[in-house]
N, C-alpha and C. Protein backbone atom coordinates (compact mmCIF):
# COMPACT_ATOMS: atom_id res chain seq x y z
N MET A 1 -16.73 13.14 -26.13
CA MET A 1 -16.93 14.46 -25.62
C MET A 1 -17.56 14.42 -24.21
N VAL A 2 -18.60 13.62 -24.04
CA VAL A 2 -19.27 13.52 -22.74
C VAL A 2 -18.32 12.91 -21.72
N SER A 3 -17.57 11.89 -22.13
CA SER A 3 -16.62 11.25 -21.23
C SER A 3 -15.56 12.25 -20.75
N ASN A 4 -15.03 13.06 -21.67
CA ASN A 4 -14.02 14.06 -21.30
C ASN A 4 -14.61 15.10 -20.34
N LEU A 5 -15.83 15.54 -20.60
CA LEU A 5 -16.48 16.52 -19.74
C LEU A 5 -16.67 15.96 -18.32
N LEU A 6 -17.13 14.71 -18.22
CA LEU A 6 -17.33 14.11 -16.90
C LEU A 6 -16.02 13.98 -16.14
N TYR A 7 -14.96 13.56 -16.83
CA TYR A 7 -13.69 13.41 -16.15
C TYR A 7 -13.13 14.76 -15.71
N GLU A 8 -13.28 15.76 -16.55
CA GLU A 8 -12.80 17.10 -16.21
C GLU A 8 -13.52 17.65 -14.98
N LYS A 9 -14.81 17.34 -14.85
CA LYS A 9 -15.61 17.84 -13.73
C LYS A 9 -15.89 16.73 -12.71
N ARG A 10 -14.94 15.81 -12.52
CA ARG A 10 -15.18 14.65 -11.66
C ARG A 10 -15.41 15.00 -10.19
N PHE A 11 -15.04 16.19 -9.77
CA PHE A 11 -15.29 16.60 -8.39
C PHE A 11 -16.54 17.46 -8.27
N GLY A 12 -17.29 17.61 -9.33
CA GLY A 12 -18.55 18.36 -9.34
C GLY A 12 -18.58 19.31 -10.51
N PRO A 13 -19.68 19.76 -10.93
CA PRO A 13 -21.03 19.61 -10.40
C PRO A 13 -21.84 18.50 -11.06
N TYR A 14 -21.23 17.70 -11.98
CA TYR A 14 -22.01 16.71 -12.72
C TYR A 14 -21.91 15.34 -12.04
N PHE A 15 -22.94 14.94 -11.34
CA PHE A 15 -22.99 13.63 -10.72
C PHE A 15 -24.08 12.83 -11.41
N ILE A 16 -23.77 12.35 -12.62
CA ILE A 16 -24.73 11.63 -13.45
C ILE A 16 -24.08 10.38 -14.04
N ASP A 17 -24.90 9.46 -14.48
CA ASP A 17 -24.47 8.27 -15.22
C ASP A 17 -25.18 8.29 -16.57
N PRO A 18 -24.58 8.89 -17.60
CA PRO A 18 -25.29 9.01 -18.88
C PRO A 18 -25.34 7.69 -19.64
N LEU A 19 -26.43 7.53 -20.38
CA LEU A 19 -26.60 6.44 -21.33
C LEU A 19 -26.83 7.10 -22.68
N ILE A 20 -25.95 6.82 -23.63
CA ILE A 20 -26.03 7.46 -24.93
C ILE A 20 -26.39 6.39 -25.96
N ALA A 21 -27.46 6.64 -26.69
CA ALA A 21 -27.92 5.71 -27.73
C ALA A 21 -28.10 6.47 -29.02
N GLY A 22 -27.81 5.80 -30.11
CA GLY A 22 -27.98 6.44 -31.41
C GLY A 22 -27.63 5.48 -32.53
N ILE A 23 -27.34 6.03 -33.68
CA ILE A 23 -26.98 5.27 -34.87
C ILE A 23 -25.54 5.65 -35.24
N ASP A 24 -24.68 4.65 -35.47
CA ASP A 24 -23.29 4.95 -35.82
C ASP A 24 -23.14 5.23 -37.32
N GLU A 25 -21.90 5.42 -37.75
CA GLU A 25 -21.64 5.77 -39.15
C GLU A 25 -22.00 4.66 -40.13
N ASN A 26 -22.19 3.43 -39.63
CA ASN A 26 -22.58 2.29 -40.48
C ASN A 26 -24.07 1.99 -40.39
N ASP A 27 -24.86 2.94 -39.87
CA ASP A 27 -26.31 2.78 -39.68
C ASP A 27 -26.66 1.61 -38.77
N LYS A 28 -25.82 1.33 -37.80
CA LYS A 28 -26.06 0.28 -36.80
C LYS A 28 -26.34 0.97 -35.46
N PRO A 29 -27.11 0.31 -34.59
CA PRO A 29 -27.37 0.90 -33.26
C PRO A 29 -26.07 1.07 -32.46
N PHE A 30 -25.99 2.16 -31.72
CA PHE A 30 -24.84 2.45 -30.85
C PHE A 30 -25.36 2.70 -29.45
N ILE A 31 -24.81 1.97 -28.47
CA ILE A 31 -25.20 2.13 -27.07
C ILE A 31 -23.93 2.26 -26.24
N SER A 32 -23.87 3.31 -25.44
CA SER A 32 -22.71 3.53 -24.58
C SER A 32 -23.19 4.03 -23.22
N SER A 33 -22.64 3.47 -22.17
CA SER A 33 -22.94 3.96 -20.82
C SER A 33 -21.64 4.42 -20.17
N MET A 34 -21.78 5.33 -19.21
CA MET A 34 -20.61 5.88 -18.53
C MET A 34 -20.88 5.98 -17.04
N ASP A 35 -19.80 6.00 -16.28
CA ASP A 35 -19.96 6.23 -14.85
C ASP A 35 -19.73 7.70 -14.54
N LEU A 36 -19.63 8.04 -13.28
CA LEU A 36 -19.53 9.43 -12.85
C LEU A 36 -18.30 10.17 -13.38
N ILE A 37 -17.22 9.43 -13.62
CA ILE A 37 -16.01 10.11 -14.09
C ILE A 37 -15.74 9.87 -15.57
N GLY A 38 -16.72 9.33 -16.29
CA GLY A 38 -16.61 9.22 -17.74
C GLY A 38 -16.04 7.93 -18.26
N ALA A 39 -15.83 6.92 -17.40
CA ALA A 39 -15.36 5.62 -17.90
C ALA A 39 -16.45 5.02 -18.78
N THR A 40 -16.11 4.71 -20.02
CA THR A 40 -17.09 4.33 -21.03
C THR A 40 -17.19 2.82 -21.19
N GLU A 41 -18.40 2.33 -21.34
CA GLU A 41 -18.65 0.93 -21.68
C GLU A 41 -19.56 0.92 -22.90
N ILE A 42 -19.08 0.34 -23.99
CA ILE A 42 -19.86 0.25 -25.23
C ILE A 42 -20.40 -1.16 -25.34
N SER A 43 -21.69 -1.26 -25.65
CA SER A 43 -22.37 -2.56 -25.68
C SER A 43 -23.03 -2.79 -27.03
N ASP A 44 -23.19 -4.06 -27.38
CA ASP A 44 -23.89 -4.41 -28.61
C ASP A 44 -25.39 -4.58 -28.41
N ASN A 45 -25.85 -4.69 -27.14
CA ASN A 45 -27.27 -4.99 -26.94
C ASN A 45 -27.97 -4.08 -25.94
N PHE A 46 -27.44 -3.82 -24.77
CA PHE A 46 -28.11 -2.96 -23.80
C PHE A 46 -27.09 -2.33 -22.86
N GLY A 47 -27.52 -1.28 -22.18
CA GLY A 47 -26.68 -0.63 -21.19
C GLY A 47 -27.49 -0.31 -19.95
N CYS A 48 -26.82 -0.28 -18.81
CA CYS A 48 -27.50 -0.01 -17.54
C CYS A 48 -26.73 1.07 -16.79
N VAL A 49 -27.46 2.04 -16.24
CA VAL A 49 -26.85 3.12 -15.47
C VAL A 49 -27.75 3.48 -14.30
N GLY A 50 -27.20 4.21 -13.35
CA GLY A 50 -28.00 4.72 -12.23
C GLY A 50 -27.80 3.93 -10.95
N THR A 51 -28.62 4.25 -9.97
CA THR A 51 -28.46 3.61 -8.66
C THR A 51 -28.80 2.13 -8.69
N THR A 52 -29.60 1.70 -9.63
CA THR A 52 -29.98 0.28 -9.72
C THR A 52 -29.17 -0.47 -10.78
N GLU A 53 -28.04 0.08 -11.17
CA GLU A 53 -27.24 -0.52 -12.25
C GLU A 53 -26.92 -1.99 -11.98
N ASN A 54 -26.49 -2.33 -10.78
CA ASN A 54 -26.13 -3.71 -10.47
C ASN A 54 -27.33 -4.64 -10.57
N GLU A 55 -28.48 -4.21 -10.07
CA GLU A 55 -29.68 -5.02 -10.17
C GLU A 55 -30.13 -5.18 -11.62
N LEU A 56 -30.02 -4.10 -12.39
CA LEU A 56 -30.47 -4.12 -13.78
C LEU A 56 -29.67 -5.09 -14.65
N TYR A 57 -28.36 -5.15 -14.48
CA TYR A 57 -27.55 -6.02 -15.34
C TYR A 57 -27.99 -7.47 -15.25
N GLY A 58 -28.21 -7.98 -14.05
CA GLY A 58 -28.63 -9.37 -13.90
C GLY A 58 -29.98 -9.65 -14.53
N ILE A 59 -30.91 -8.75 -14.32
CA ILE A 59 -32.25 -8.92 -14.87
C ILE A 59 -32.22 -8.82 -16.40
N CYS A 60 -31.52 -7.81 -16.91
CA CYS A 60 -31.45 -7.61 -18.37
C CYS A 60 -30.78 -8.78 -19.07
N GLU A 61 -29.72 -9.32 -18.48
CA GLU A 61 -29.06 -10.47 -19.09
C GLU A 61 -30.00 -11.66 -19.22
N ASN A 62 -30.90 -11.82 -18.26
CA ASN A 62 -31.86 -12.93 -18.32
C ASN A 62 -32.99 -12.68 -19.32
N LEU A 63 -33.43 -11.44 -19.47
CA LEU A 63 -34.57 -11.14 -20.32
C LEU A 63 -34.20 -10.83 -21.77
N TRP A 64 -32.94 -10.45 -22.03
CA TRP A 64 -32.53 -10.05 -23.37
C TRP A 64 -32.29 -11.26 -24.26
N SER A 65 -32.69 -11.15 -25.51
CA SER A 65 -32.35 -12.15 -26.53
C SER A 65 -32.25 -11.42 -27.88
N GLU A 66 -31.56 -12.04 -28.81
CA GLU A 66 -31.39 -11.44 -30.13
C GLU A 66 -32.73 -11.41 -30.87
N ASN A 67 -32.86 -10.46 -31.77
CA ASN A 67 -34.02 -10.34 -32.67
C ASN A 67 -35.36 -10.22 -31.95
N MET A 68 -35.40 -9.46 -30.89
CA MET A 68 -36.66 -9.22 -30.17
C MET A 68 -37.50 -8.21 -30.94
N THR A 69 -38.82 -8.34 -30.86
CA THR A 69 -39.72 -7.36 -31.46
C THR A 69 -39.76 -6.12 -30.58
N ASN A 70 -40.33 -5.03 -31.08
CA ASN A 70 -40.46 -3.80 -30.29
C ASN A 70 -41.25 -4.05 -29.01
N ASP A 71 -42.33 -4.82 -29.10
CA ASP A 71 -43.14 -5.12 -27.91
C ASP A 71 -42.35 -5.96 -26.90
N GLU A 72 -41.56 -6.91 -27.38
CA GLU A 72 -40.75 -7.73 -26.48
C GLU A 72 -39.67 -6.89 -25.79
N VAL A 73 -39.07 -5.97 -26.54
CA VAL A 73 -38.07 -5.08 -25.94
C VAL A 73 -38.71 -4.21 -24.86
N PHE A 74 -39.89 -3.65 -25.16
CA PHE A 74 -40.57 -2.83 -24.16
C PHE A 74 -40.91 -3.66 -22.92
N GLU A 75 -41.44 -4.85 -23.10
CA GLU A 75 -41.80 -5.70 -21.95
C GLU A 75 -40.58 -6.05 -21.12
N ALA A 76 -39.47 -6.40 -21.77
CA ALA A 76 -38.24 -6.71 -21.04
C ALA A 76 -37.72 -5.49 -20.29
N THR A 77 -37.78 -4.32 -20.94
CA THR A 77 -37.34 -3.09 -20.30
C THR A 77 -38.22 -2.75 -19.11
N ALA A 78 -39.53 -2.83 -19.28
CA ALA A 78 -40.46 -2.51 -18.20
C ALA A 78 -40.26 -3.45 -17.01
N GLN A 79 -40.16 -4.74 -17.27
CA GLN A 79 -39.96 -5.70 -16.18
C GLN A 79 -38.63 -5.47 -15.47
N SER A 80 -37.58 -5.16 -16.24
CA SER A 80 -36.27 -4.88 -15.65
C SER A 80 -36.32 -3.66 -14.75
N MET A 81 -36.91 -2.58 -15.26
CA MET A 81 -36.96 -1.33 -14.50
C MET A 81 -37.80 -1.48 -13.23
N LEU A 82 -38.95 -2.09 -13.34
CA LEU A 82 -39.82 -2.24 -12.16
C LEU A 82 -39.20 -3.17 -11.13
N SER A 83 -38.56 -4.23 -11.58
CA SER A 83 -37.90 -5.14 -10.65
C SER A 83 -36.74 -4.46 -9.93
N ALA A 84 -35.96 -3.69 -10.66
CA ALA A 84 -34.81 -3.00 -10.06
C ALA A 84 -35.26 -1.91 -9.09
N THR A 85 -36.29 -1.16 -9.43
CA THR A 85 -36.74 -0.10 -8.51
C THR A 85 -37.36 -0.69 -7.25
N ASP A 86 -37.92 -1.88 -7.33
CA ASP A 86 -38.43 -2.54 -6.12
C ASP A 86 -37.30 -2.93 -5.17
N ARG A 87 -36.10 -3.14 -5.70
CA ARG A 87 -34.96 -3.60 -4.90
C ARG A 87 -34.07 -2.47 -4.40
N ASP A 88 -34.30 -1.25 -4.84
CA ASP A 88 -33.42 -0.14 -4.47
C ASP A 88 -34.27 1.06 -4.04
N CYS A 89 -34.20 1.40 -2.76
CA CYS A 89 -35.05 2.48 -2.24
C CYS A 89 -34.64 3.85 -2.79
N LEU A 90 -33.44 3.99 -3.33
CA LEU A 90 -33.01 5.28 -3.88
C LEU A 90 -33.46 5.49 -5.31
N ALA A 91 -34.03 4.47 -5.94
CA ALA A 91 -34.36 4.54 -7.36
C ALA A 91 -35.62 5.32 -7.66
N GLY A 92 -36.43 5.57 -6.68
CA GLY A 92 -37.67 6.31 -6.95
C GLY A 92 -38.87 5.39 -7.07
N TRP A 93 -39.94 5.92 -7.64
CA TRP A 93 -41.21 5.21 -7.68
C TRP A 93 -41.63 4.86 -9.10
N GLY A 94 -40.71 4.67 -9.97
CA GLY A 94 -41.04 4.31 -11.34
C GLY A 94 -39.96 4.77 -12.29
N SER A 95 -40.29 4.76 -13.57
CA SER A 95 -39.34 5.21 -14.58
C SER A 95 -40.08 5.59 -15.85
N VAL A 96 -39.34 6.16 -16.77
CA VAL A 96 -39.89 6.54 -18.07
C VAL A 96 -39.09 5.78 -19.12
N VAL A 97 -39.80 5.11 -20.03
CA VAL A 97 -39.16 4.35 -21.10
C VAL A 97 -39.38 5.09 -22.41
N TYR A 98 -38.28 5.40 -23.10
CA TYR A 98 -38.32 6.02 -24.41
C TYR A 98 -37.95 4.94 -25.42
N GLN A 99 -38.91 4.56 -26.25
CA GLN A 99 -38.65 3.55 -27.27
C GLN A 99 -38.50 4.27 -28.61
N ILE A 100 -37.27 4.23 -29.15
CA ILE A 100 -36.95 4.96 -30.37
C ILE A 100 -36.92 3.98 -31.54
N THR A 101 -37.75 4.24 -32.53
CA THR A 101 -37.80 3.43 -33.74
C THR A 101 -37.71 4.34 -34.95
N LYS A 102 -37.66 3.75 -36.14
CA LYS A 102 -37.62 4.58 -37.35
C LYS A 102 -38.91 5.34 -37.56
N ASP A 103 -40.02 4.89 -36.90
CA ASP A 103 -41.32 5.55 -37.03
C ASP A 103 -41.52 6.69 -36.03
N GLY A 104 -40.63 6.79 -35.05
CA GLY A 104 -40.77 7.85 -34.06
C GLY A 104 -40.37 7.40 -32.67
N ILE A 105 -40.78 8.17 -31.69
CA ILE A 105 -40.44 7.90 -30.29
C ILE A 105 -41.73 7.65 -29.51
N THR A 106 -41.75 6.54 -28.77
CA THR A 106 -42.88 6.21 -27.90
C THR A 106 -42.42 6.39 -26.47
N ILE A 107 -43.14 7.18 -25.69
CA ILE A 107 -42.79 7.45 -24.30
C ILE A 107 -43.82 6.77 -23.41
N SER A 108 -43.33 5.95 -22.48
CA SER A 108 -44.21 5.24 -21.56
C SER A 108 -43.74 5.48 -20.13
N GLU A 109 -44.66 5.84 -19.25
CA GLU A 109 -44.32 6.06 -17.86
C GLU A 109 -44.72 4.83 -17.05
N LEU A 110 -43.78 4.31 -16.29
CA LEU A 110 -44.00 3.12 -15.47
C LEU A 110 -44.14 3.54 -14.01
N LYS A 111 -45.17 3.08 -13.37
CA LYS A 111 -45.38 3.37 -11.95
C LYS A 111 -44.99 2.14 -11.13
N ALA A 112 -44.14 2.33 -10.15
CA ALA A 112 -43.72 1.25 -9.27
C ALA A 112 -44.47 1.34 -7.95
N ARG A 113 -44.15 0.42 -7.07
CA ARG A 113 -44.75 0.47 -5.72
C ARG A 113 -44.41 1.79 -5.06
N GLN A 114 -45.32 2.31 -4.29
CA GLN A 114 -45.07 3.59 -3.62
C GLN A 114 -45.24 3.47 -2.12
N ASP A 115 -44.71 2.38 -1.58
CA ASP A 115 -44.78 2.19 -0.13
C ASP A 115 -43.42 2.26 0.51
C-alpha cells in the first residue's frame, strides 16, 4: 500500500524514505525499506533509509551479527546513526531510536556534533 502510494505521487508531495517494521503472519520480524518512488527492499536483519543511507549500510553491515541482545542492538544502532550523521551535513544533529520489544517501546534521543 505504501509503495503504491509513493509511486502514484512520485512527482510530489511525498518526498520520504519510509522504513516499515513489524511482525508478519508467522510471528517473525518484518523489515522493509523504500525509496522515494516506492521501490521496496525487504531485509532479514536491518534496513537503512534517508540522506545517510549509503553511509549507514557499510557501518551496519560491520556492526550487525545474529542473536544480538537488546543492548547490543541499541549500541550498534546508536553507533551507526552517530557515525553516519557525522559524515553527512544534511542528516541533522542527531536521531531518535525506537526500540520495540514485546515489553514495550523504548525511545532514546541521540545527540550528534553540532558544529
